[in-house]
N, C-alpha and C. Protein backbone atom coordinates (compact mmCIF):
# COMPACT_ATOMS: atom_id res chain seq x y z
N MET A 1 34.02 50.88 42.99
CA MET A 1 35.27 50.72 43.75
C MET A 1 36.38 51.57 43.17
N ALA A 2 36.49 51.59 41.82
CA ALA A 2 37.54 52.39 41.18
C ALA A 2 37.38 53.86 41.48
N LYS A 3 36.14 54.36 41.46
CA LYS A 3 35.88 55.77 41.73
C LYS A 3 36.31 56.15 43.13
N ARG A 4 35.99 55.30 44.14
CA ARG A 4 36.36 55.57 45.52
C ARG A 4 37.87 55.56 45.67
N PHE A 5 38.55 54.64 44.98
CA PHE A 5 39.99 54.53 45.11
C PHE A 5 40.68 55.76 44.56
N VAL A 6 40.19 56.30 43.42
CA VAL A 6 40.75 57.52 42.86
C VAL A 6 40.57 58.68 43.82
N LEU A 7 39.39 58.77 44.44
CA LEU A 7 39.12 59.83 45.41
C LEU A 7 40.08 59.73 46.59
N LEU A 8 40.34 58.52 47.04
CA LEU A 8 41.23 58.33 48.16
C LEU A 8 42.63 58.83 47.83
N ILE A 9 43.12 58.51 46.63
CA ILE A 9 44.45 58.94 46.24
C ILE A 9 44.50 60.45 46.10
N GLY A 10 43.46 61.04 45.51
CA GLY A 10 43.45 62.48 45.26
C GLY A 10 43.31 63.31 46.51
N SER A 11 42.62 62.78 47.52
CA SER A 11 42.30 63.59 48.68
C SER A 11 43.23 63.35 49.86
N PHE A 12 43.85 62.18 49.92
CA PHE A 12 44.52 61.80 51.15
C PHE A 12 45.66 60.87 50.80
N LEU A 13 46.79 61.46 50.41
CA LEU A 13 47.82 60.68 49.76
C LEU A 13 48.56 59.76 50.70
N VAL A 14 49.07 60.27 51.82
CA VAL A 14 49.86 59.44 52.72
C VAL A 14 49.52 59.76 54.16
N LEU A 15 49.26 58.74 54.93
CA LEU A 15 49.12 58.88 56.38
C LEU A 15 49.97 57.79 57.00
N SER A 16 50.99 58.17 57.75
CA SER A 16 51.81 57.14 58.39
C SER A 16 52.18 57.58 59.78
N PRO A 17 51.81 56.82 60.81
CA PRO A 17 52.17 57.17 62.16
C PRO A 17 53.67 57.18 62.37
N HIS A 18 54.12 57.74 63.52
CA HIS A 18 55.51 58.07 63.64
C HIS A 18 56.29 57.31 64.71
N ALA A 19 55.71 56.35 65.41
CA ALA A 19 56.48 55.56 66.35
C ALA A 19 55.97 54.14 66.35
N ALA A 20 56.57 53.26 67.14
CA ALA A 20 56.27 51.84 67.04
C ALA A 20 54.83 51.53 67.43
N PHE A 21 54.17 50.73 66.61
CA PHE A 21 52.83 50.25 66.90
C PHE A 21 52.63 48.97 66.10
N ALA A 22 51.59 48.23 66.41
CA ALA A 22 51.37 46.95 65.75
C ALA A 22 51.04 47.14 64.28
N ALA A 23 51.51 46.21 63.44
CA ALA A 23 51.21 46.25 62.02
C ALA A 23 49.75 45.98 61.79
N GLY A 24 49.25 46.44 60.63
CA GLY A 24 47.89 46.14 60.24
C GLY A 24 46.89 47.21 60.56
N ASP A 25 47.33 48.41 60.92
CA ASP A 25 46.40 49.48 61.26
C ASP A 25 45.48 49.84 60.12
N TYR A 26 45.94 49.67 58.90
CA TYR A 26 45.16 50.11 57.74
C TYR A 26 44.51 48.94 57.00
N GLY A 27 44.55 47.76 57.55
CA GLY A 27 43.82 46.65 56.98
C GLY A 27 44.68 45.73 56.13
N GLY A 28 45.94 46.06 55.91
CA GLY A 28 46.83 45.18 55.16
C GLY A 28 46.73 45.39 53.66
N GLY A 29 47.56 44.65 52.94
CA GLY A 29 47.52 44.68 51.48
C GLY A 29 48.01 45.97 50.88
N PHE A 30 47.61 46.21 49.62
CA PHE A 30 48.10 47.37 48.89
C PHE A 30 47.65 48.69 49.50
N LEU A 31 46.42 48.71 50.05
CA LEU A 31 45.93 49.94 50.66
C LEU A 31 46.81 50.35 51.83
N GLU A 32 47.24 49.39 52.66
CA GLU A 32 48.13 49.72 53.76
C GLU A 32 49.47 50.21 53.24
N PHE A 33 49.98 49.58 52.18
CA PHE A 33 51.24 50.02 51.61
C PHE A 33 51.13 51.45 51.10
N LEU A 34 49.99 51.77 50.44
CA LEU A 34 49.79 53.11 49.90
C LEU A 34 49.73 54.16 50.99
N LEU A 35 48.98 53.88 52.06
CA LEU A 35 48.76 54.87 53.11
C LEU A 35 49.92 54.96 54.09
N ALA A 36 50.55 53.84 54.37
CA ALA A 36 51.52 53.84 55.46
C ALA A 36 52.88 53.30 55.07
N GLY A 37 53.09 53.01 53.79
CA GLY A 37 54.37 52.49 53.38
C GLY A 37 54.62 51.10 53.92
N GLY A 38 53.55 50.33 54.13
CA GLY A 38 53.68 49.00 54.69
C GLY A 38 53.06 48.96 56.05
N ALA A 39 53.73 48.35 57.02
CA ALA A 39 53.19 48.21 58.36
C ALA A 39 53.05 49.59 59.00
N ALA A 40 51.87 49.88 59.54
CA ALA A 40 51.61 51.16 60.19
C ALA A 40 52.11 51.14 61.62
N HIS A 41 52.58 52.30 62.08
CA HIS A 41 53.07 52.43 63.44
C HIS A 41 52.49 53.70 64.04
N GLY A 42 52.28 53.73 65.33
CA GLY A 42 51.70 54.92 65.94
C GLY A 42 52.01 55.03 67.41
N ARG A 43 51.75 56.19 67.97
CA ARG A 43 51.97 56.44 69.39
C ARG A 43 50.63 56.69 70.04
N ALA A 44 50.28 55.88 71.01
CA ALA A 44 48.98 56.02 71.65
C ALA A 44 48.92 57.29 72.48
N VAL A 45 47.81 58.02 72.33
CA VAL A 45 47.54 59.18 73.18
C VAL A 45 46.77 58.68 74.39
N SER A 46 46.97 59.31 75.53
CA SER A 46 46.27 58.91 76.75
C SER A 46 44.78 58.76 76.48
N HIS A 47 44.24 57.59 76.78
CA HIS A 47 42.87 57.26 76.41
C HIS A 47 42.17 56.74 77.66
N PRO A 48 41.45 57.60 78.40
CA PRO A 48 40.89 57.19 79.68
C PRO A 48 39.90 56.05 79.55
N THR A 49 39.96 55.15 80.50
CA THR A 49 38.99 54.06 80.54
C THR A 49 37.94 54.31 81.61
N ALA A 50 38.26 55.09 82.61
CA ALA A 50 37.29 55.43 83.65
C ALA A 50 36.52 56.68 83.23
N VAL A 51 35.27 56.76 83.66
CA VAL A 51 34.44 57.90 83.33
C VAL A 51 34.91 59.13 84.10
N GLN A 52 35.15 60.24 83.39
CA GLN A 52 35.61 61.47 84.02
C GLN A 52 34.39 62.36 84.31
N ARG A 53 33.79 62.14 85.45
CA ARG A 53 32.55 62.87 85.76
C ARG A 53 32.79 64.36 85.98
N SER A 54 34.03 64.75 86.25
CA SER A 54 34.30 66.17 86.40
C SER A 54 34.21 66.91 85.08
N SER A 55 34.32 66.17 83.95
CA SER A 55 34.29 66.78 82.63
C SER A 55 32.90 66.76 82.02
N TYR A 56 32.11 65.76 82.35
CA TYR A 56 30.77 65.68 81.78
C TYR A 56 29.89 64.88 82.72
N SER A 57 28.59 64.95 82.45
CA SER A 57 27.63 64.34 83.37
C SER A 57 27.68 62.82 83.30
N ALA A 58 26.82 62.18 84.09
CA ALA A 58 26.85 60.72 84.25
C ALA A 58 26.83 60.01 82.91
N MET A 59 27.65 58.99 82.79
CA MET A 59 27.75 58.22 81.55
C MET A 59 27.72 56.74 81.92
N ALA A 60 27.19 55.94 81.03
CA ALA A 60 27.12 54.51 81.29
C ALA A 60 28.52 53.93 81.47
N GLU A 61 28.69 53.08 82.47
CA GLU A 61 29.97 52.42 82.69
C GLU A 61 30.19 51.36 81.61
N PRO A 62 31.47 51.01 81.30
CA PRO A 62 31.74 49.98 80.30
C PRO A 62 31.05 48.67 80.66
N ASP A 63 30.56 47.98 79.67
CA ASP A 63 29.86 46.71 79.85
C ASP A 63 30.86 45.58 79.67
N ALA A 64 31.22 44.92 80.77
CA ALA A 64 32.24 43.88 80.72
C ALA A 64 31.80 42.67 79.90
N SER A 65 30.49 42.54 79.64
CA SER A 65 30.00 41.40 78.87
C SER A 65 30.22 41.58 77.38
N GLN A 66 30.60 42.79 76.95
CA GLN A 66 30.81 43.08 75.54
C GLN A 66 32.31 43.03 75.21
N PRO A 67 32.66 42.72 73.95
CA PRO A 67 34.08 42.65 73.58
C PRO A 67 34.75 44.01 73.71
N ALA A 68 36.03 43.98 74.06
CA ALA A 68 36.80 45.22 74.19
C ALA A 68 37.07 45.81 72.81
N VAL A 69 37.27 47.12 72.77
CA VAL A 69 37.61 47.79 71.52
C VAL A 69 39.01 47.38 71.09
N ASN A 70 39.18 47.06 69.81
CA ASN A 70 40.49 46.73 69.27
C ASN A 70 41.44 47.90 69.52
N PRO A 71 42.64 47.65 70.10
CA PRO A 71 43.58 48.74 70.38
C PRO A 71 43.94 49.59 69.16
N VAL A 72 43.81 49.03 67.97
CA VAL A 72 44.09 49.79 66.75
C VAL A 72 43.23 51.04 66.69
N TYR A 73 42.02 50.97 67.26
CA TYR A 73 41.07 52.08 67.15
C TYR A 73 41.14 53.05 68.32
N LEU A 74 42.13 52.91 69.18
CA LEU A 74 42.30 53.89 70.25
C LEU A 74 42.92 55.16 69.69
N ARG A 75 42.61 56.27 70.32
CA ARG A 75 43.09 57.58 69.86
C ARG A 75 44.61 57.62 69.83
N GLN A 76 45.15 58.14 68.71
CA GLN A 76 46.60 58.22 68.56
C GLN A 76 46.97 59.46 67.78
N GLU A 77 48.19 59.95 67.99
CA GLU A 77 48.74 61.00 67.15
C GLU A 77 49.60 60.34 66.08
N VAL A 78 49.40 60.74 64.83
CA VAL A 78 50.11 60.13 63.71
C VAL A 78 50.67 61.22 62.79
N ASP A 79 51.59 60.83 61.93
CA ASP A 79 52.08 61.75 60.91
C ASP A 79 51.02 61.94 59.83
N TYR A 80 50.99 63.12 59.24
CA TYR A 80 50.04 63.42 58.16
C TYR A 80 50.77 64.14 57.04
N HIS A 81 50.67 63.60 55.83
CA HIS A 81 51.31 64.19 54.66
C HIS A 81 50.30 64.48 53.55
N GLY A 82 49.03 64.60 53.90
CA GLY A 82 48.00 64.87 52.92
C GLY A 82 47.83 66.35 52.63
N PRO A 83 46.88 66.70 51.77
CA PRO A 83 46.73 68.09 51.32
C PRO A 83 45.86 68.97 52.20
N GLU A 84 45.15 68.41 53.18
CA GLU A 84 44.19 69.20 53.95
C GLU A 84 44.89 70.07 55.00
N LYS A 85 44.29 71.22 55.27
CA LYS A 85 44.86 72.19 56.21
C LYS A 85 44.58 71.78 57.66
N PRO A 86 45.42 72.25 58.60
CA PRO A 86 45.14 71.99 60.01
C PRO A 86 43.73 72.44 60.40
N GLY A 87 43.10 71.63 61.22
CA GLY A 87 41.73 71.91 61.63
C GLY A 87 40.70 71.14 60.83
N THR A 88 41.10 70.55 59.70
CA THR A 88 40.18 69.77 58.86
C THR A 88 39.99 68.37 59.43
N ILE A 89 38.78 67.87 59.32
CA ILE A 89 38.48 66.48 59.67
C ILE A 89 38.48 65.66 58.38
N VAL A 90 39.23 64.57 58.38
CA VAL A 90 39.26 63.64 57.25
C VAL A 90 38.78 62.28 57.74
N ILE A 91 37.77 61.73 57.08
CA ILE A 91 37.20 60.45 57.48
C ILE A 91 37.54 59.40 56.43
N ASP A 92 38.31 58.43 56.84
CA ASP A 92 38.73 57.31 55.99
C ASP A 92 37.74 56.17 56.23
N THR A 93 36.66 56.16 55.45
CA THR A 93 35.59 55.19 55.66
C THR A 93 36.06 53.75 55.51
N PRO A 94 36.81 53.38 54.45
CA PRO A 94 37.19 51.97 54.29
C PRO A 94 37.97 51.42 55.47
N ASN A 95 38.83 52.25 56.08
CA ASN A 95 39.67 51.78 57.17
C ASN A 95 39.13 52.15 58.55
N ARG A 96 38.01 52.88 58.58
CA ARG A 96 37.29 53.21 59.81
C ARG A 96 38.14 54.02 60.78
N PHE A 97 38.71 55.12 60.23
CA PHE A 97 39.47 56.07 61.02
C PHE A 97 38.99 57.49 60.71
N LEU A 98 39.01 58.34 61.72
CA LEU A 98 38.78 59.77 61.56
C LEU A 98 40.06 60.48 61.96
N PHE A 99 40.50 61.43 61.12
CA PHE A 99 41.72 62.19 61.37
C PHE A 99 41.38 63.66 61.56
N LEU A 100 41.91 64.25 62.60
CA LEU A 100 41.84 65.70 62.78
C LEU A 100 43.24 66.23 62.48
N VAL A 101 43.36 66.95 61.37
CA VAL A 101 44.66 67.42 60.91
C VAL A 101 45.18 68.51 61.86
N GLU A 102 46.43 68.36 62.27
CA GLU A 102 47.08 69.32 63.17
C GLU A 102 48.20 70.04 62.43
N LYS A 103 48.81 71.00 63.09
CA LYS A 103 49.97 71.68 62.54
C LYS A 103 51.20 70.77 62.62
N GLY A 104 52.22 71.10 61.80
CA GLY A 104 53.48 70.38 61.89
C GLY A 104 53.46 68.99 61.31
N GLY A 105 52.54 68.72 60.38
CA GLY A 105 52.50 67.41 59.74
C GLY A 105 52.01 66.29 60.63
N LYS A 106 51.13 66.62 61.57
CA LYS A 106 50.57 65.62 62.47
C LYS A 106 49.05 65.58 62.34
N ALA A 107 48.46 64.54 62.89
CA ALA A 107 47.00 64.43 62.96
C ALA A 107 46.64 63.57 64.15
N LEU A 108 45.50 63.87 64.77
CA LEU A 108 44.92 62.97 65.75
C LEU A 108 44.06 61.97 65.01
N ARG A 109 44.27 60.70 65.31
CA ARG A 109 43.51 59.64 64.64
C ARG A 109 42.61 58.95 65.65
N TYR A 110 41.33 58.82 65.29
CA TYR A 110 40.34 58.19 66.15
C TYR A 110 39.73 57.00 65.41
N GLY A 111 39.43 55.94 66.14
CA GLY A 111 38.66 54.84 65.57
C GLY A 111 37.20 55.20 65.49
N ILE A 112 36.52 54.72 64.45
CA ILE A 112 35.11 55.06 64.24
C ILE A 112 34.33 53.83 63.78
N GLY A 113 33.02 53.92 63.89
CA GLY A 113 32.11 53.00 63.22
C GLY A 113 31.48 53.75 62.06
N VAL A 114 31.25 53.07 60.96
CA VAL A 114 30.76 53.73 59.74
C VAL A 114 29.53 53.01 59.19
N GLY A 115 29.02 53.52 58.07
CA GLY A 115 27.81 52.97 57.48
C GLY A 115 27.97 51.53 57.04
N ARG A 116 26.95 50.74 57.30
CA ARG A 116 26.97 49.35 56.84
C ARG A 116 26.76 49.31 55.34
N PRO A 117 26.98 48.16 54.67
CA PRO A 117 26.83 48.08 53.22
C PRO A 117 25.50 48.67 52.74
N GLY A 118 25.60 49.55 51.76
CA GLY A 118 24.43 50.23 51.22
C GLY A 118 24.20 51.60 51.83
N PHE A 119 24.92 51.91 52.91
CA PHE A 119 24.76 53.20 53.58
C PHE A 119 26.06 54.01 53.59
N GLU A 120 27.07 53.55 52.85
CA GLU A 120 28.31 54.32 52.77
C GLU A 120 28.09 55.57 51.91
N TRP A 121 28.91 56.59 52.14
CA TRP A 121 28.82 57.79 51.32
C TRP A 121 30.16 58.51 51.38
N ALA A 122 30.36 59.43 50.46
CA ALA A 122 31.59 60.22 50.42
C ALA A 122 31.24 61.63 49.97
N GLY A 123 32.06 62.59 50.37
CA GLY A 123 31.82 63.97 49.97
C GLY A 123 32.48 64.93 50.94
N VAL A 124 32.21 66.21 50.74
CA VAL A 124 32.77 67.26 51.59
C VAL A 124 31.61 67.99 52.26
N LYS A 125 31.65 68.08 53.56
CA LYS A 125 30.63 68.77 54.34
C LYS A 125 31.31 69.76 55.27
N ALA A 126 30.50 70.49 56.02
CA ALA A 126 31.00 71.36 57.09
C ALA A 126 30.14 71.13 58.32
N ILE A 127 30.74 71.26 59.49
CA ILE A 127 29.96 71.14 60.72
C ILE A 127 29.00 72.32 60.81
N SER A 128 27.73 72.02 60.86
CA SER A 128 26.71 73.07 60.88
C SER A 128 26.15 73.33 62.28
N ARG A 129 26.35 72.36 63.18
CA ARG A 129 25.82 72.53 64.55
C ARG A 129 26.55 71.56 65.46
N LYS A 130 26.70 71.95 66.72
CA LYS A 130 27.28 71.09 67.74
C LYS A 130 26.28 70.93 68.88
N ALA A 131 26.22 69.75 69.47
CA ALA A 131 25.27 69.52 70.56
C ALA A 131 25.86 68.60 71.60
N GLU A 132 25.62 68.93 72.88
CA GLU A 132 26.03 68.08 73.99
C GLU A 132 24.84 67.23 74.42
N TRP A 133 25.10 65.94 74.62
CA TRP A 133 24.07 64.98 74.98
C TRP A 133 22.79 65.20 74.15
N PRO A 134 22.92 65.06 72.83
CA PRO A 134 21.79 65.37 71.94
C PRO A 134 20.63 64.39 72.08
N ALA A 135 19.44 64.89 71.84
CA ALA A 135 18.28 64.02 71.70
C ALA A 135 18.32 63.35 70.34
N TRP A 136 17.62 62.26 70.19
CA TRP A 136 17.60 61.52 68.92
C TRP A 136 16.17 61.33 68.44
N ASN A 137 15.90 61.77 67.22
CA ASN A 137 14.62 61.54 66.56
C ASN A 137 14.89 60.74 65.29
N PRO A 138 14.69 59.44 65.30
CA PRO A 138 14.99 58.64 64.10
C PRO A 138 14.26 59.18 62.89
N PRO A 139 14.95 59.32 61.74
CA PRO A 139 14.29 59.81 60.53
C PRO A 139 13.20 58.85 60.06
N SER A 140 12.30 59.36 59.24
CA SER A 140 11.14 58.57 58.81
C SER A 140 11.54 57.29 58.08
N ASP A 141 12.60 57.37 57.26
CA ASP A 141 13.05 56.16 56.54
C ASP A 141 13.50 55.08 57.51
N MET A 142 14.18 55.49 58.57
CA MET A 142 14.62 54.51 59.56
C MET A 142 13.44 53.91 60.32
N LEU A 143 12.46 54.75 60.62
CA LEU A 143 11.28 54.24 61.33
C LEU A 143 10.50 53.26 60.47
N LYS A 144 10.54 53.45 59.15
CA LYS A 144 9.89 52.49 58.25
C LYS A 144 10.61 51.14 58.29
N ARG A 145 11.95 51.21 58.36
CA ARG A 145 12.73 49.97 58.42
C ARG A 145 12.65 49.33 59.80
N ARG A 146 12.54 50.18 60.82
CA ARG A 146 12.55 49.70 62.21
C ARG A 146 11.37 50.29 62.96
N PRO A 147 10.16 49.79 62.71
CA PRO A 147 8.99 50.36 63.40
C PRO A 147 9.01 50.16 64.91
N ASP A 148 9.93 49.33 65.40
CA ASP A 148 10.05 49.11 66.84
C ASP A 148 10.76 50.25 67.55
N LEU A 149 11.41 51.15 66.78
CA LEU A 149 12.16 52.24 67.40
C LEU A 149 11.22 53.31 67.95
N PRO A 150 11.61 53.97 69.03
CA PRO A 150 10.80 55.09 69.54
C PRO A 150 10.95 56.29 68.62
N ALA A 151 9.98 57.17 68.60
CA ALA A 151 10.03 58.36 67.76
C ALA A 151 10.96 59.42 68.34
N HIS A 152 11.25 59.33 69.65
CA HIS A 152 12.11 60.32 70.29
C HIS A 152 12.83 59.68 71.46
N VAL A 153 14.13 59.96 71.57
CA VAL A 153 14.92 59.50 72.71
C VAL A 153 15.63 60.73 73.29
N ALA A 154 15.38 61.01 74.55
CA ALA A 154 16.02 62.17 75.19
C ALA A 154 17.52 61.95 75.32
N GLY A 155 18.27 63.05 75.36
CA GLY A 155 19.71 62.96 75.52
C GLY A 155 20.08 62.32 76.85
N GLY A 156 21.21 61.60 76.86
CA GLY A 156 21.65 60.93 78.07
C GLY A 156 22.46 59.70 77.74
N PRO A 157 22.96 58.99 78.75
CA PRO A 157 23.85 57.85 78.52
C PRO A 157 23.20 56.69 77.78
N ASP A 158 21.87 56.62 77.74
CA ASP A 158 21.20 55.55 77.01
C ASP A 158 20.85 55.94 75.58
N ASN A 159 21.18 57.16 75.19
CA ASN A 159 20.85 57.64 73.85
C ASN A 159 21.88 57.12 72.85
N PRO A 160 21.44 56.60 71.69
CA PRO A 160 22.38 56.07 70.69
C PRO A 160 23.36 57.11 70.15
N LEU A 161 23.06 58.42 70.28
CA LEU A 161 23.97 59.45 69.78
C LEU A 161 25.08 59.76 70.77
N GLY A 162 25.01 59.20 71.95
CA GLY A 162 26.10 59.36 72.90
C GLY A 162 26.23 60.76 73.46
N ALA A 163 27.48 61.11 73.82
CA ALA A 163 27.75 62.32 74.59
C ALA A 163 27.75 63.60 73.78
N ARG A 164 28.09 63.54 72.51
CA ARG A 164 28.19 64.74 71.67
C ARG A 164 27.77 64.39 70.25
N ALA A 165 27.34 65.41 69.51
CA ALA A 165 27.01 65.25 68.09
C ALA A 165 27.51 66.45 67.31
N LEU A 166 28.10 66.20 66.17
CA LEU A 166 28.53 67.22 65.22
C LEU A 166 27.72 67.00 63.95
N TYR A 167 26.84 67.92 63.63
CA TYR A 167 25.93 67.78 62.50
C TYR A 167 26.62 68.24 61.23
N LEU A 168 26.44 67.49 60.15
CA LEU A 168 27.17 67.73 58.91
C LEU A 168 26.27 68.38 57.87
N GLY A 169 26.48 69.68 57.66
CA GLY A 169 25.70 70.43 56.68
C GLY A 169 24.22 70.33 56.96
N SER A 170 23.43 70.21 55.88
CA SER A 170 21.98 70.08 56.00
C SER A 170 21.54 68.62 55.90
N SER A 171 22.51 67.71 55.91
CA SER A 171 22.21 66.29 55.78
C SER A 171 21.71 65.72 57.10
N LEU A 172 21.31 64.45 57.06
CA LEU A 172 20.91 63.74 58.27
C LEU A 172 22.11 63.09 58.96
N TYR A 173 23.29 63.25 58.37
CA TYR A 173 24.48 62.60 58.91
C TYR A 173 25.10 63.41 60.05
N ARG A 174 25.69 62.69 60.99
CA ARG A 174 26.35 63.30 62.13
C ARG A 174 27.61 62.51 62.45
N ILE A 175 28.55 63.18 63.07
CA ILE A 175 29.61 62.51 63.82
C ILE A 175 29.13 62.53 65.27
N HIS A 176 29.02 61.37 65.89
CA HIS A 176 28.43 61.36 67.23
C HIS A 176 29.02 60.24 68.08
N GLY A 177 28.75 60.30 69.36
CA GLY A 177 29.17 59.26 70.27
C GLY A 177 28.28 58.03 70.15
N THR A 178 28.46 57.10 71.06
CA THR A 178 27.64 55.89 71.02
C THR A 178 27.54 55.29 72.41
N ASN A 179 26.43 54.64 72.68
CA ASN A 179 26.30 53.87 73.91
C ASN A 179 26.66 52.41 73.68
N GLN A 180 27.25 52.12 72.52
CA GLN A 180 27.71 50.77 72.18
C GLN A 180 29.16 50.85 71.67
N PRO A 181 30.12 51.13 72.55
CA PRO A 181 31.49 51.34 72.11
C PRO A 181 32.13 50.14 71.43
N TRP A 182 31.60 48.94 71.69
CA TRP A 182 32.15 47.75 71.05
C TRP A 182 31.88 47.71 69.54
N THR A 183 31.06 48.64 69.03
CA THR A 183 30.80 48.68 67.58
C THR A 183 31.83 49.52 66.84
N ILE A 184 32.76 50.16 67.54
CA ILE A 184 33.79 50.96 66.89
C ILE A 184 34.71 50.02 66.10
N GLY A 185 34.99 50.42 64.86
CA GLY A 185 35.78 49.58 63.97
C GLY A 185 34.94 48.70 63.07
N ALA A 186 33.62 48.90 63.08
CA ALA A 186 32.72 48.07 62.29
C ALA A 186 31.85 48.91 61.37
N ASN A 187 31.25 48.26 60.39
CA ASN A 187 30.29 48.90 59.48
C ASN A 187 28.90 48.63 60.05
N VAL A 188 28.38 49.60 60.78
CA VAL A 188 27.20 49.33 61.60
C VAL A 188 26.08 50.36 61.48
N SER A 189 26.37 51.56 60.99
CA SER A 189 25.40 52.65 61.08
C SER A 189 24.59 52.80 59.80
N SER A 190 23.70 53.79 59.81
CA SER A 190 22.93 54.15 58.62
C SER A 190 23.57 55.33 57.89
N GLY A 191 24.86 55.50 58.08
CA GLY A 191 25.61 56.55 57.39
C GLY A 191 26.29 57.52 58.32
N CYS A 192 25.86 57.56 59.59
CA CYS A 192 26.53 58.43 60.57
C CYS A 192 27.89 57.85 60.95
N ILE A 193 28.73 58.70 61.52
CA ILE A 193 30.06 58.31 61.97
C ILE A 193 30.03 58.19 63.48
N ARG A 194 30.26 56.99 63.99
CA ARG A 194 30.24 56.75 65.43
C ARG A 194 31.64 56.86 66.02
N MET A 195 31.71 57.39 67.23
CA MET A 195 32.96 57.45 67.98
C MET A 195 32.69 57.04 69.42
N MET A 196 33.73 56.59 70.11
CA MET A 196 33.60 56.36 71.54
C MET A 196 33.31 57.70 72.22
N ASN A 197 32.57 57.68 73.31
CA ASN A 197 32.13 58.92 73.93
C ASN A 197 33.29 59.83 74.34
N ASP A 198 34.34 59.27 74.94
CA ASP A 198 35.44 60.13 75.33
C ASP A 198 36.16 60.71 74.12
N ASP A 199 36.16 59.97 73.00
CA ASP A 199 36.78 60.48 71.77
C ASP A 199 35.95 61.59 71.14
N VAL A 200 34.63 61.42 71.10
CA VAL A 200 33.82 62.46 70.48
C VAL A 200 33.83 63.73 71.33
N ILE A 201 33.96 63.59 72.65
CA ILE A 201 34.10 64.77 73.50
C ILE A 201 35.41 65.48 73.19
N ASP A 202 36.47 64.71 73.02
CA ASP A 202 37.78 65.30 72.68
C ASP A 202 37.70 66.03 71.34
N LEU A 203 37.11 65.39 70.32
CA LEU A 203 36.98 66.02 69.02
C LEU A 203 36.10 67.27 69.10
N TYR A 204 34.99 67.17 69.80
CA TYR A 204 34.05 68.29 69.98
C TYR A 204 34.78 69.51 70.54
N ASN A 205 35.69 69.29 71.47
CA ASN A 205 36.41 70.39 72.10
C ASN A 205 37.50 70.99 71.20
N HIS A 206 37.86 70.28 70.13
CA HIS A 206 38.90 70.74 69.22
C HIS A 206 38.35 71.52 68.02
N VAL A 207 37.08 71.32 67.67
CA VAL A 207 36.56 71.87 66.41
C VAL A 207 35.42 72.85 66.68
N ARG A 208 35.07 73.61 65.65
CA ARG A 208 34.01 74.60 65.77
C ARG A 208 33.05 74.47 64.60
N VAL A 209 31.92 75.14 64.70
CA VAL A 209 30.98 75.19 63.58
C VAL A 209 31.69 75.80 62.37
N GLY A 210 31.50 75.19 61.22
CA GLY A 210 32.17 75.62 60.00
C GLY A 210 33.36 74.77 59.62
N THR A 211 33.82 73.89 60.53
CA THR A 211 34.96 73.02 60.24
C THR A 211 34.69 72.16 59.02
N LYS A 212 35.65 72.08 58.13
CA LYS A 212 35.54 71.26 56.92
C LYS A 212 35.69 69.78 57.28
N VAL A 213 34.82 68.95 56.68
CA VAL A 213 34.84 67.50 56.90
C VAL A 213 34.90 66.81 55.54
N VAL A 214 35.98 66.07 55.30
CA VAL A 214 36.17 65.33 54.05
C VAL A 214 35.91 63.86 54.33
N VAL A 215 34.90 63.30 53.67
CA VAL A 215 34.53 61.89 53.86
C VAL A 215 34.90 61.12 52.60
N MET A 216 35.72 60.08 52.79
CA MET A 216 36.17 59.29 51.65
C MET A 216 35.61 57.88 51.72
């Protein structure tokens, strides 16, 4: 825990949104005070709820039987006072946020799902490949844990990788969409970073191969 906390301070000193929003964006306590000077505030960016078929192919409609995504995890523009250059992706694993650093001391903040206990990781990677509606081939270790999984799932709205995937270096980790948006804001994956499909499409359109990704 101490090692991760030092990394957080060294890599990402202050993130504080710039207009009124509900308190508790960063989880409360000392970590929220460190990152946001207390109660966090932010300005929501337009976040479509209807499927925009003109932008991408057919996508599964929201499942009303599942819980809604916490508004804290909706896409927002926030202030950024950290050391990373515009265009860098910063992933705040403990608080389940992904930041795309912009010019002028701003960042786009997205809610994410992250690795469950035992599958967390930290480091610096670069986007090595981008894919639209990627196919999914569960790695051998996952198939050993979950022999019920198929060996291959074609790309599409039923694929667990969702609408887009950003592959991180030579690792098995990806930033990708999900067909289970209600898992955003939770520790649920085997180390990959999950985003809502419309958010990962937005991020995909902002970044290119070679983009630096800092995972804390």
